[in-house]
Full PDB file with SEQRES, HELIX, SHEET, SSBOND, CRYST1, ORIGX, SCALE, CONECT and MASTER records, all heavy atoms in Angstrom:
SEQRES   1 A   37  GLU ALA ILE LEU ARG HIS VAL LEU SER ILE ASN GLU ASP          
SEQRES   2 A   37  GLY GLN LYS ARG CYS GLU GLU ASN THR LYS VAL PHE GLY          
SEQRES   3 A   37  ARG PRO ILE THR SER TRP THR CYS LEU VAL ASP                  
HELIX    1 AA1 ALA A    2  PHE A   25  1                                  24    
CRYST1    1.000    1.000    1.000  90.00  90.00  90.00 P 1           1          
ORIGX1      1.000000  0.000000  0.000000        0.00000                         
ORIGX2      0.000000  1.000000  0.000000        0.00000                         
ORIGX3      0.000000  0.000000  1.000000        0.00000                         
SCALE1      1.000000  0.000000  0.000000        0.00000                         
SCALE2      0.000000  1.000000  0.000000        0.00000                         
SCALE3      0.000000  0.000000  1.000000        0.00000                         
ATOM      1  N   GLU A   1      28.893  -0.843 -16.864  1.00  0.00           N  
ATOM      2  CA  GLU A   1      28.597  -1.857 -15.966  1.00  0.00           C  
ATOM      3  C   GLU A   1      28.473  -1.326 -14.505  1.00  0.00           C  
ATOM      4  O   GLU A   1      27.695  -1.825 -13.773  1.00  0.00           O  
ATOM      5  CB  GLU A   1      29.630  -2.886 -15.982  1.00  0.00           C  
ATOM      6  CG  GLU A   1      29.717  -3.648 -17.382  1.00  0.00           C  
ATOM      7  CD  GLU A   1      28.427  -4.373 -17.669  1.00  0.00           C  
ATOM      8  OE1 GLU A   1      27.766  -4.804 -16.758  1.00  0.00           O  
ATOM      9  OE2 GLU A   1      28.085  -4.457 -18.900  1.00  0.00           O  
ATOM     10  N   ALA A   2      29.355  -0.347 -14.137  1.00  0.00           N  
ATOM     11  CA  ALA A   2      29.304   0.110 -12.787  1.00  0.00           C  
ATOM     12  C   ALA A   2      27.988   0.902 -12.557  1.00  0.00           C  
ATOM     13  O   ALA A   2      27.415   0.770 -11.473  1.00  0.00           O  
ATOM     14  CB  ALA A   2      30.473   1.073 -12.553  1.00  0.00           C  
ATOM     15  N   ILE A   3      27.573   1.690 -13.528  1.00  0.00           N  
ATOM     16  CA  ILE A   3      26.295   2.369 -13.463  1.00  0.00           C  
ATOM     17  C   ILE A   3      25.059   1.321 -13.247  1.00  0.00           C  
ATOM     18  O   ILE A   3      24.161   1.459 -12.438  1.00  0.00           O  
ATOM     19  CB  ILE A   3      26.035   3.272 -14.622  1.00  0.00           C  
ATOM     20  CG1 ILE A   3      27.097   4.415 -14.522  1.00  0.00           C  
ATOM     21  CG2 ILE A   3      24.626   3.846 -14.611  1.00  0.00           C  
ATOM     22  CD1 ILE A   3      27.021   5.410 -15.695  1.00  0.00           C  
ATOM     23  N   LEU A   4      25.138   0.305 -14.111  1.00  0.00           N  
ATOM     24  CA  LEU A   4      24.150  -0.720 -14.104  1.00  0.00           C  
ATOM     25  C   LEU A   4      24.133  -1.394 -12.695  1.00  0.00           C  
ATOM     26  O   LEU A   4      23.047  -1.600 -12.068  1.00  0.00           O  
ATOM     27  CB  LEU A   4      24.310  -1.787 -15.117  1.00  0.00           C  
ATOM     28  CG  LEU A   4      23.368  -2.997 -15.160  1.00  0.00           C  
ATOM     29  CD1 LEU A   4      21.963  -2.540 -15.270  1.00  0.00           C  
ATOM     30  CD2 LEU A   4      23.722  -3.992 -16.272  1.00  0.00           C  
ATOM     31  N   ARG A   5      25.331  -1.741 -12.221  1.00  0.00           N  
ATOM     32  CA  ARG A   5      25.373  -2.378 -10.893  1.00  0.00           C  
ATOM     33  C   ARG A   5      24.834  -1.490  -9.837  1.00  0.00           C  
ATOM     34  O   ARG A   5      24.168  -1.917  -8.845  1.00  0.00           O  
ATOM     35  CB  ARG A   5      26.847  -2.762 -10.560  1.00  0.00           C  
ATOM     36  CG  ARG A   5      27.057  -3.479  -9.248  1.00  0.00           C  
ATOM     37  CD  ARG A   5      26.330  -4.773  -9.156  1.00  0.00           C  
ATOM     38  NE  ARG A   5      26.714  -5.815 -10.150  1.00  0.00           N  
ATOM     39  CZ  ARG A   5      27.595  -6.692  -9.926  1.00  0.00           C  
ATOM     40  NH1 ARG A   5      28.186  -6.801  -8.709  1.00  0.00           N  
ATOM     41  NH2 ARG A   5      27.863  -7.692 -10.858  1.00  0.00           N  
ATOM     42  N   HIS A   6      25.100  -0.216  -9.945  1.00  0.00           N  
ATOM     43  CA  HIS A   6      24.600   0.744  -8.923  1.00  0.00           C  
ATOM     44  C   HIS A   6      23.049   0.854  -8.990  1.00  0.00           C  
ATOM     45  O   HIS A   6      22.399   0.866  -7.892  1.00  0.00           O  
ATOM     46  CB  HIS A   6      25.238   2.171  -9.254  1.00  0.00           C  
ATOM     47  CG  HIS A   6      24.960   3.146  -8.149  1.00  0.00           C  
ATOM     48  ND1 HIS A   6      25.346   2.898  -6.759  1.00  0.00           N  
ATOM     49  CD2 HIS A   6      24.365   4.394  -8.155  1.00  0.00           C  
ATOM     50  CE1 HIS A   6      25.004   4.012  -6.062  1.00  0.00           C  
ATOM     51  NE2 HIS A   6      24.369   4.858  -6.857  1.00  0.00           N  
ATOM     52  N   VAL A   7      22.503   0.801 -10.148  1.00  0.00           N  
ATOM     53  CA  VAL A   7      20.995   0.834 -10.324  1.00  0.00           C  
ATOM     54  C   VAL A   7      20.371  -0.400  -9.663  1.00  0.00           C  
ATOM     55  O   VAL A   7      19.384  -0.381  -9.092  1.00  0.00           O  
ATOM     56  CB  VAL A   7      20.614   1.039 -11.761  1.00  0.00           C  
ATOM     57  CG1 VAL A   7      19.128   0.891 -11.931  1.00  0.00           C  
ATOM     58  CG2 VAL A   7      21.037   2.409 -12.274  1.00  0.00           C  
ATOM     59  N   LEU A   8      21.068  -1.522  -9.905  1.00  0.00           N  
ATOM     60  CA  LEU A   8      20.550  -2.771  -9.388  1.00  0.00           C  
ATOM     61  C   LEU A   8      20.573  -2.716  -7.820  1.00  0.00           C  
ATOM     62  O   LEU A   8      19.648  -3.213  -7.124  1.00  0.00           O  
ATOM     63  CB  LEU A   8      21.384  -3.950  -9.793  1.00  0.00           C  
ATOM     64  CG  LEU A   8      21.371  -4.289 -11.347  1.00  0.00           C  
ATOM     65  CD1 LEU A   8      22.170  -5.528 -11.648  1.00  0.00           C  
ATOM     66  CD2 LEU A   8      19.904  -4.440 -11.814  1.00  0.00           C  
ATOM     67  N   SER A   9      21.666  -2.189  -7.244  1.00  0.00           N  
ATOM     68  CA  SER A   9      21.657  -2.027  -5.798  1.00  0.00           C  
ATOM     69  C   SER A   9      20.594  -1.136  -5.274  1.00  0.00           C  
ATOM     70  O   SER A   9      20.016  -1.405  -4.173  1.00  0.00           O  
ATOM     71  CB  SER A   9      23.043  -1.511  -5.419  1.00  0.00           C  
ATOM     72  OG  SER A   9      23.183  -0.133  -5.740  1.00  0.00           O  
ATOM     73  N   ILE A  10      20.228  -0.172  -6.075  1.00  0.00           N  
ATOM     74  CA  ILE A  10      19.088   0.754  -5.667  1.00  0.00           C  
ATOM     75  C   ILE A  10      17.757  -0.102  -5.640  1.00  0.00           C  
ATOM     76  O   ILE A  10      16.913   0.113  -4.774  1.00  0.00           O  
ATOM     77  CB  ILE A  10      19.034   1.934  -6.546  1.00  0.00           C  
ATOM     78  CG1 ILE A  10      20.270   2.811  -6.449  1.00  0.00           C  
ATOM     79  CG2 ILE A  10      17.716   2.728  -6.336  1.00  0.00           C  
ATOM     80  CD1 ILE A  10      20.324   3.923  -7.487  1.00  0.00           C  
ATOM     81  N   ASN A  11      17.533  -0.949  -6.625  1.00  0.00           N  
ATOM     82  CA  ASN A  11      16.406  -1.688  -6.674  1.00  0.00           C  
ATOM     83  C   ASN A  11      16.322  -2.721  -5.602  1.00  0.00           C  
ATOM     84  O   ASN A  11      15.229  -3.048  -4.991  1.00  0.00           O  
ATOM     85  CB  ASN A  11      16.297  -2.471  -8.077  1.00  0.00           C  
ATOM     86  CG  ASN A  11      15.772  -1.567  -9.198  1.00  0.00           C  
ATOM     87  OD1 ASN A  11      14.596  -1.473  -9.359  1.00  0.00           O  
ATOM     88  ND2 ASN A  11      16.688  -0.866  -9.817  1.00  0.00           N  
ATOM     89  N   GLU A  12      17.466  -3.368  -5.241  1.00  0.00           N  
ATOM     90  CA  GLU A  12      17.509  -4.295  -4.140  1.00  0.00           C  
ATOM     91  C   GLU A  12      17.159  -3.531  -2.881  1.00  0.00           C  
ATOM     92  O   GLU A  12      16.490  -4.094  -1.961  1.00  0.00           O  
ATOM     93  CB  GLU A  12      18.817  -5.008  -4.079  1.00  0.00           C  
ATOM     94  CG  GLU A  12      19.120  -5.898  -5.189  1.00  0.00           C  
ATOM     95  CD  GLU A  12      18.234  -7.079  -5.204  1.00  0.00           C  
ATOM     96  OE1 GLU A  12      18.088  -7.813  -4.158  1.00  0.00           O  
ATOM     97  OE2 GLU A  12      17.611  -7.313  -6.262  1.00  0.00           O  
ATOM     98  N   ASP A  13      17.793  -2.392  -2.707  1.00  0.00           N  
ATOM     99  CA  ASP A  13      17.502  -1.658  -1.432  1.00  0.00           C  
ATOM    100  C   ASP A  13      16.059  -1.227  -1.404  1.00  0.00           C  
ATOM    101  O   ASP A  13      15.426  -1.189  -0.374  1.00  0.00           O  
ATOM    102  CB  ASP A  13      18.420  -0.344  -1.457  1.00  0.00           C  
ATOM    103  CG  ASP A  13      18.373   0.338  -0.070  1.00  0.00           C  
ATOM    104  OD1 ASP A  13      18.064  -0.282   0.904  1.00  0.00           O  
ATOM    105  OD2 ASP A  13      18.791   1.509  -0.102  1.00  0.00           O  
ATOM    106  N   GLY A  14      15.435  -0.885  -2.511  1.00  0.00           N  
ATOM    107  CA  GLY A  14      13.982  -0.495  -2.546  1.00  0.00           C  
ATOM    108  C   GLY A  14      13.177  -1.726  -2.093  1.00  0.00           C  
ATOM    109  O   GLY A  14      12.156  -1.503  -1.367  1.00  0.00           O  
ATOM    110  N   GLN A  15      13.447  -3.007  -2.464  1.00  0.00           N  
ATOM    111  CA  GLN A  15      12.637  -4.080  -2.051  1.00  0.00           C  
ATOM    112  C   GLN A  15      12.714  -4.278  -0.497  1.00  0.00           C  
ATOM    113  O   GLN A  15      11.716  -4.564   0.201  1.00  0.00           O  
ATOM    114  CB  GLN A  15      13.038  -5.301  -2.746  1.00  0.00           C  
ATOM    115  CG  GLN A  15      12.775  -5.373  -4.136  1.00  0.00           C  
ATOM    116  CD  GLN A  15      13.025  -6.763  -4.879  1.00  0.00           C  
ATOM    117  OE1 GLN A  15      12.633  -7.778  -4.422  1.00  0.00           O  
ATOM    118  NE2 GLN A  15      13.836  -6.722  -5.898  1.00  0.00           N  
ATOM    119  N   LYS A  16      13.983  -4.065  -0.002  1.00  0.00           N  
ATOM    120  CA  LYS A  16      14.179  -4.129   1.387  1.00  0.00           C  
ATOM    121  C   LYS A  16      13.368  -3.088   2.202  1.00  0.00           C  
ATOM    122  O   LYS A  16      12.764  -3.394   3.232  1.00  0.00           O  
ATOM    123  CB  LYS A  16      15.654  -3.985   1.713  1.00  0.00           C  
ATOM    124  CG  LYS A  16      16.120  -4.192   3.133  1.00  0.00           C  
ATOM    125  CD  LYS A  16      17.572  -4.067   3.274  1.00  0.00           C  
ATOM    126  CE  LYS A  16      17.959  -4.231   4.757  1.00  0.00           C  
ATOM    127  NZ  LYS A  16      19.527  -4.156   4.932  1.00  0.00           N  
ATOM    128  N   ARG A  17      13.354  -1.883   1.680  1.00  0.00           N  
ATOM    129  CA  ARG A  17      12.639  -0.802   2.307  1.00  0.00           C  
ATOM    130  C   ARG A  17      11.170  -1.025   2.271  1.00  0.00           C  
ATOM    131  O   ARG A  17      10.446  -0.646   3.193  1.00  0.00           O  
ATOM    132  CB  ARG A  17      12.917   0.536   1.657  1.00  0.00           C  
ATOM    133  CG  ARG A  17      14.399   1.004   1.977  1.00  0.00           C  
ATOM    134  CD  ARG A  17      14.712   2.276   1.018  1.00  0.00           C  
ATOM    135  NE  ARG A  17      16.055   2.673   1.252  1.00  0.00           N  
ATOM    136  CZ  ARG A  17      16.408   3.639   2.169  1.00  0.00           C  
ATOM    137  NH1 ARG A  17      15.489   4.308   2.851  1.00  0.00           N  
ATOM    138  NH2 ARG A  17      17.677   4.001   2.299  1.00  0.00           N  
ATOM    139  N   CYS A  18      10.647  -1.675   1.171  1.00  0.00           N  
ATOM    140  CA  CYS A  18       9.196  -2.017   1.109  1.00  0.00           C  
ATOM    141  C   CYS A  18       8.785  -3.008   2.223  1.00  0.00           C  
ATOM    142  O   CYS A  18       7.762  -2.845   2.836  1.00  0.00           O  
ATOM    143  CB  CYS A  18       8.896  -2.684  -0.279  1.00  0.00           C  
ATOM    144  SG  CYS A  18       8.844  -1.427  -1.590  1.00  0.00           S  
ATOM    145  N   GLU A  19       9.689  -3.996   2.449  1.00  0.00           N  
ATOM    146  CA  GLU A  19       9.418  -4.943   3.559  1.00  0.00           C  
ATOM    147  C   GLU A  19       9.314  -4.182   4.924  1.00  0.00           C  
ATOM    148  O   GLU A  19       8.483  -4.504   5.774  1.00  0.00           O  
ATOM    149  CB  GLU A  19      10.477  -6.028   3.537  1.00  0.00           C  
ATOM    150  CG  GLU A  19      10.494  -6.914   2.325  1.00  0.00           C  
ATOM    151  CD  GLU A  19      11.658  -7.828   2.333  1.00  0.00           C  
ATOM    152  OE1 GLU A  19      12.318  -7.956   3.343  1.00  0.00           O  
ATOM    153  OE2 GLU A  19      11.874  -8.476   1.231  1.00  0.00           O  
ATOM    154  N   GLU A  20      10.334  -3.236   5.090  1.00  0.00           N  
ATOM    155  CA  GLU A  20      10.317  -2.551   6.413  1.00  0.00           C  
ATOM    156  C   GLU A  20       9.088  -1.666   6.550  1.00  0.00           C  
ATOM    157  O   GLU A  20       8.445  -1.652   7.629  1.00  0.00           O  
ATOM    158  CB  GLU A  20      11.598  -1.661   6.479  1.00  0.00           C  
ATOM    159  CG  GLU A  20      12.837  -2.466   6.446  1.00  0.00           C  
ATOM    160  CD  GLU A  20      14.105  -1.643   6.290  1.00  0.00           C  
ATOM    161  OE1 GLU A  20      13.957  -0.413   5.998  1.00  0.00           O  
ATOM    162  OE2 GLU A  20      15.288  -2.138   6.472  1.00  0.00           O  
ATOM    163  N   ASN A  21       8.584  -1.010   5.470  1.00  0.00           N  
ATOM    164  CA  ASN A  21       7.486  -0.172   5.522  1.00  0.00           C  
ATOM    165  C   ASN A  21       6.230  -1.063   5.746  1.00  0.00           C  
ATOM    166  O   ASN A  21       5.207  -0.533   6.328  1.00  0.00           O  
ATOM    167  CB  ASN A  21       7.336   0.706   4.269  1.00  0.00           C  
ATOM    168  CG  ASN A  21       8.280   1.835   4.304  1.00  0.00           C  
ATOM    169  OD1 ASN A  21       9.268   1.826   5.073  1.00  0.00           O  
ATOM    170  ND2 ASN A  21       8.142   2.790   3.454  1.00  0.00           N  
ATOM    171  N   THR A  22       6.132  -2.264   5.198  1.00  0.00           N  
ATOM    172  CA  THR A  22       5.039  -3.159   5.445  1.00  0.00           C  
ATOM    173  C   THR A  22       4.841  -3.336   6.919  1.00  0.00           C  
ATOM    174  O   THR A  22       3.720  -3.366   7.465  1.00  0.00           O  
ATOM    175  CB  THR A  22       5.223  -4.565   4.708  1.00  0.00           C  
ATOM    176  OG1 THR A  22       5.283  -4.310   3.342  1.00  0.00           O  
ATOM    177  CG2 THR A  22       4.140  -5.424   5.037  1.00  0.00           C  
ATOM    178  N   LYS A  23       5.957  -3.569   7.633  1.00  0.00           N  
ATOM    179  CA  LYS A  23       5.858  -3.762   9.068  1.00  0.00           C  
ATOM    180  C   LYS A  23       5.444  -2.476   9.780  1.00  0.00           C  
ATOM    181  O   LYS A  23       4.654  -2.507  10.787  1.00  0.00           O  
ATOM    182  CB  LYS A  23       7.234  -4.294   9.667  1.00  0.00           C  
ATOM    183  CG  LYS A  23       7.647  -5.569   9.027  1.00  0.00           C  
ATOM    184  CD  LYS A  23       9.053  -5.934   9.608  1.00  0.00           C  
ATOM    185  CE  LYS A  23       9.564  -7.211   8.939  1.00  0.00           C  
ATOM    186  NZ  LYS A  23      11.005  -7.529   9.386  1.00  0.00           N  
ATOM    187  N   VAL A  24       5.942  -1.331   9.371  1.00  0.00           N  
ATOM    188  CA  VAL A  24       5.737  -0.125  10.020  1.00  0.00           C  
ATOM    189  C   VAL A  24       4.316   0.350   9.804  1.00  0.00           C  
ATOM    190  O   VAL A  24       3.619   0.785  10.805  1.00  0.00           O  
ATOM    191  CB  VAL A  24       6.700   0.999   9.397  1.00  0.00           C  
ATOM    192  CG1 VAL A  24       6.247   2.367  10.004  1.00  0.00           C  
ATOM    193  CG2 VAL A  24       8.110   0.706   9.822  1.00  0.00           C  
ATOM    194  N   PHE A  25       3.713   0.237   8.608  1.00  0.00           N  
ATOM    195  CA  PHE A  25       2.393   0.728   8.368  1.00  0.00           C  
ATOM    196  C   PHE A  25       1.316  -0.250   8.491  1.00  0.00           C  
ATOM    197  O   PHE A  25       0.109  -0.014   8.487  1.00  0.00           O  
ATOM    198  CB  PHE A  25       2.302   1.279   6.947  1.00  0.00           C  
ATOM    199  CG  PHE A  25       3.153   2.590   6.777  1.00  0.00           C  
ATOM    200  CD1 PHE A  25       4.379   2.555   6.215  1.00  0.00           C  
ATOM    201  CD2 PHE A  25       2.553   3.817   7.075  1.00  0.00           C  
ATOM    202  CE1 PHE A  25       5.116   3.676   5.977  1.00  0.00           C  
ATOM    203  CE2 PHE A  25       3.309   4.991   6.893  1.00  0.00           C  
ATOM    204  CZ  PHE A  25       4.615   4.920   6.387  1.00  0.00           C  
ATOM    205  N   GLY A  26       1.677  -1.547   8.745  1.00  0.00           N  
ATOM    206  CA  GLY A  26       0.623  -2.615   9.042  1.00  0.00           C  
ATOM    207  C   GLY A  26      -0.118  -2.973   7.849  1.00  0.00           C  
ATOM    208  O   GLY A  26      -1.261  -3.483   7.950  1.00  0.00           O  
ATOM    209  N   ARG A  27       0.312  -2.697   6.616  1.00  0.00           N  
ATOM    210  CA  ARG A  27      -0.387  -3.060   5.389  1.00  0.00           C  
ATOM    211  C   ARG A  27       0.660  -3.349   4.361  1.00  0.00           C  
ATOM    212  O   ARG A  27       1.812  -2.903   4.443  1.00  0.00           O  
ATOM    213  CB  ARG A  27      -1.314  -1.968   4.968  1.00  0.00           C  
ATOM    214  CG  ARG A  27      -0.601  -0.648   4.521  1.00  0.00           C  
ATOM    215  CD  ARG A  27      -1.648   0.405   4.085  1.00  0.00           C  
ATOM    216  NE  ARG A  27      -1.001   1.564   3.617  1.00  0.00           N  
ATOM    217  CZ  ARG A  27      -0.694   2.619   4.378  1.00  0.00           C  
ATOM    218  NH1 ARG A  27      -1.019   2.570   5.645  1.00  0.00           N  
ATOM    219  NH2 ARG A  27      -0.130   3.736   3.871  1.00  0.00           N  
ATOM    220  N   PRO A  28       0.330  -4.100   3.252  1.00  0.00           N  
ATOM    221  CA  PRO A  28       1.301  -4.511   2.302  1.00  0.00           C  
ATOM    222  C   PRO A  28       1.859  -3.263   1.555  1.00  0.00           C  
ATOM    223  O   PRO A  28       1.043  -2.524   0.959  1.00  0.00           O  
ATOM    224  CB  PRO A  28       0.525  -5.423   1.351  1.00  0.00           C  
ATOM    225  CG  PRO A  28      -0.697  -5.911   2.200  1.00  0.00           C  
ATOM    226  CD  PRO A  28      -1.001  -4.737   3.043  1.00  0.00           C  
ATOM    227  N   ILE A  29       3.173  -3.124   1.529  1.00  0.00           N  
ATOM    228  CA  ILE A  29       3.864  -2.107   0.703  1.00  0.00           C  
ATOM    229  C   ILE A  29       4.819  -2.908  -0.150  1.00  0.00           C  
ATOM    230  O   ILE A  29       5.755  -3.446   0.264  1.00  0.00           O  
ATOM    231  CB  ILE A  29       4.658  -1.162   1.570  1.00  0.00           C  
ATOM    232  CG1 ILE A  29       3.759  -0.507   2.679  1.00  0.00           C  
ATOM    233  CG2 ILE A  29       5.238  -0.071   0.720  1.00  0.00           C  
ATOM    234  CD1 ILE A  29       2.743   0.394   2.190  1.00  0.00           C  
ATOM    235  N   THR A  30       4.394  -3.014  -1.488  1.00  0.00           N  
ATOM    236  CA  THR A  30       5.158  -3.915  -2.332  1.00  0.00           C  
ATOM    237  C   THR A  30       5.905  -3.113  -3.490  1.00  0.00           C  
ATOM    238  O   THR A  30       6.546  -3.740  -4.331  1.00  0.00           O  
ATOM    239  CB  THR A  30       4.223  -4.899  -2.993  1.00  0.00           C  
ATOM    240  OG1 THR A  30       3.198  -4.234  -3.733  1.00  0.00           O  
ATOM    241  CG2 THR A  30       3.566  -5.804  -2.011  1.00  0.00           C  
ATOM    242  N   SER A  31       5.696  -1.781  -3.507  1.00  0.00           N  
ATOM    243  CA  SER A  31       6.441  -0.967  -4.582  1.00  0.00           C  
ATOM    244  C   SER A  31       6.773   0.363  -3.999  1.00  0.00           C  
ATOM    245  O   SER A  31       6.478   0.756  -2.902  1.00  0.00           O  
ATOM    246  CB  SER A  31       5.450  -0.827  -5.830  1.00  0.00           C  
ATOM    247  OG  SER A  31       4.282  -0.148  -5.370  1.00  0.00           O  
ATOM    248  N   TRP A  32       7.638   1.071  -4.788  1.00  0.00           N  
ATOM    249  CA  TRP A  32       8.026   2.423  -4.312  1.00  0.00           C  
ATOM    250  C   TRP A  32       7.675   3.527  -5.362  1.00  0.00           C  
ATOM    251  O   TRP A  32       7.351   3.181  -6.476  1.00  0.00           O  
ATOM    252  CB  TRP A  32       9.549   2.443  -4.054  1.00  0.00           C  
ATOM    253  CG  TRP A  32      10.438   1.974  -5.225  1.00  0.00           C  
ATOM    254  CD1 TRP A  32      10.876   2.740  -6.201  1.00  0.00           C  
ATOM    255  CD2 TRP A  32      11.002   0.653  -5.369  1.00  0.00           C  
ATOM    256  NE1 TRP A  32      11.705   2.005  -7.055  1.00  0.00           N  
ATOM    257  CE2 TRP A  32      11.846   0.730  -6.530  1.00  0.00           C  
ATOM    258  CE3 TRP A  32      10.892  -0.503  -4.661  1.00  0.00           C  
ATOM    259  CZ2 TRP A  32      12.470  -0.417  -7.058  1.00  0.00           C  
ATOM    260  CZ3 TRP A  32      11.616  -1.645  -5.124  1.00  0.00           C  
ATOM    261  CH2 TRP A  32      12.351  -1.525  -6.339  1.00  0.00           C  
ATOM    262  N   THR A  33       7.800   4.780  -4.972  1.00  0.00           N  
ATOM    263  CA  THR A  33       7.588   5.878  -5.755  1.00  0.00           C  
ATOM    264  C   THR A  33       8.926   6.531  -6.155  1.00  0.00           C  
ATOM    265  O   THR A  33       9.772   6.627  -5.337  1.00  0.00           O  
ATOM    266  CB  THR A  33       6.604   6.836  -5.091  1.00  0.00           C  
ATOM    267  OG1 THR A  33       5.392   6.270  -4.864  1.00  0.00           O  
ATOM    268  CG2 THR A  33       6.471   8.154  -5.957  1.00  0.00           C  
ATOM    269  N   CYS A  34       8.958   6.921  -7.470  1.00  0.00           N  
ATOM    270  CA  CYS A  34      10.172   7.603  -7.923  1.00  0.00           C  
ATOM    271  C   CYS A  34       9.811   8.877  -8.444  1.00  0.00           C  
ATOM    272  O   CYS A  34       8.873   9.152  -9.172  1.00  0.00           O  
ATOM    273  CB  CYS A  34      10.819   6.777  -9.075  1.00  0.00           C  
ATOM    274  SG  CYS A  34      12.387   7.458  -9.621  1.00  0.00           S  
ATOM    275  N   LEU A  35      10.530   9.985  -7.871  1.00  0.00           N  
ATOM    276  CA  LEU A  35      10.363  11.349  -8.399  1.00  0.00           C  
ATOM    277  C   LEU A  35      11.552  11.783  -9.158  1.00  0.00           C  
ATOM    278  O   LEU A  35      12.603  11.714  -8.635  1.00  0.00           O  
ATOM    279  CB  LEU A  35      10.109  12.229  -7.138  1.00  0.00           C  
ATOM    280  CG  LEU A  35      10.164  13.734  -7.343  1.00  0.00           C  
ATOM    281  CD1 LEU A  35       8.923  14.135  -8.241  1.00  0.00           C  
ATOM    282  CD2 LEU A  35      10.106  14.507  -6.030  1.00  0.00           C  
ATOM    283  N   VAL A  36      11.324  12.105 -10.431  1.00  0.00           N  
ATOM    284  CA  VAL A  36      12.372  12.394 -11.356  1.00  0.00           C  
ATOM    285  C   VAL A  36      12.349  13.866 -11.667  1.00  0.00           C  
ATOM    286  O   VAL A  36      11.269  14.417 -12.270  1.00  0.00           O  
ATOM    287  CB  VAL A  36      12.349  11.571 -12.594  1.00  0.00           C  
ATOM    288  CG1 VAL A  36      13.477  12.026 -13.576  1.00  0.00           C  
ATOM    289  CG2 VAL A  36      12.386  10.128 -12.303  1.00  0.00           C  
ATOM    290  N   ASP A  37      13.393  14.599 -11.351  1.00  0.00           N  
ATOM    291  CA  ASP A  37      13.411  16.144 -11.702  1.00  0.00           C  
ATOM    292  C   ASP A  37      14.288  16.221 -12.973  1.00  0.00           C  
ATOM    293  O   ASP A  37      15.495  15.885 -12.937  1.00  0.00           O  
ATOM    294  CB  ASP A  37      14.118  16.798 -10.456  1.00  0.00           C  
ATOM    295  CG  ASP A  37      14.158  18.263 -10.765  1.00  0.00           C  
ATOM    296  OD1 ASP A  37      13.529  18.836 -11.663  1.00  0.00           O  
ATOM    297  OD2 ASP A  37      14.991  18.987 -10.141  1.00  0.00           O  
TER     298      ASP A  37                                                      
MASTER        0    0    0    1    0    0    0    6  297    1    0    3          
END                                                                             
């Protein structure tokens, strides 16, 4: 449950960052990129 809750917080933070980038870049940013090593 703790790991799941942590992943959910990452997704919520991702949505917040998309909104911020929409303002910064002046165009809709509605998703993020994930790089998995």
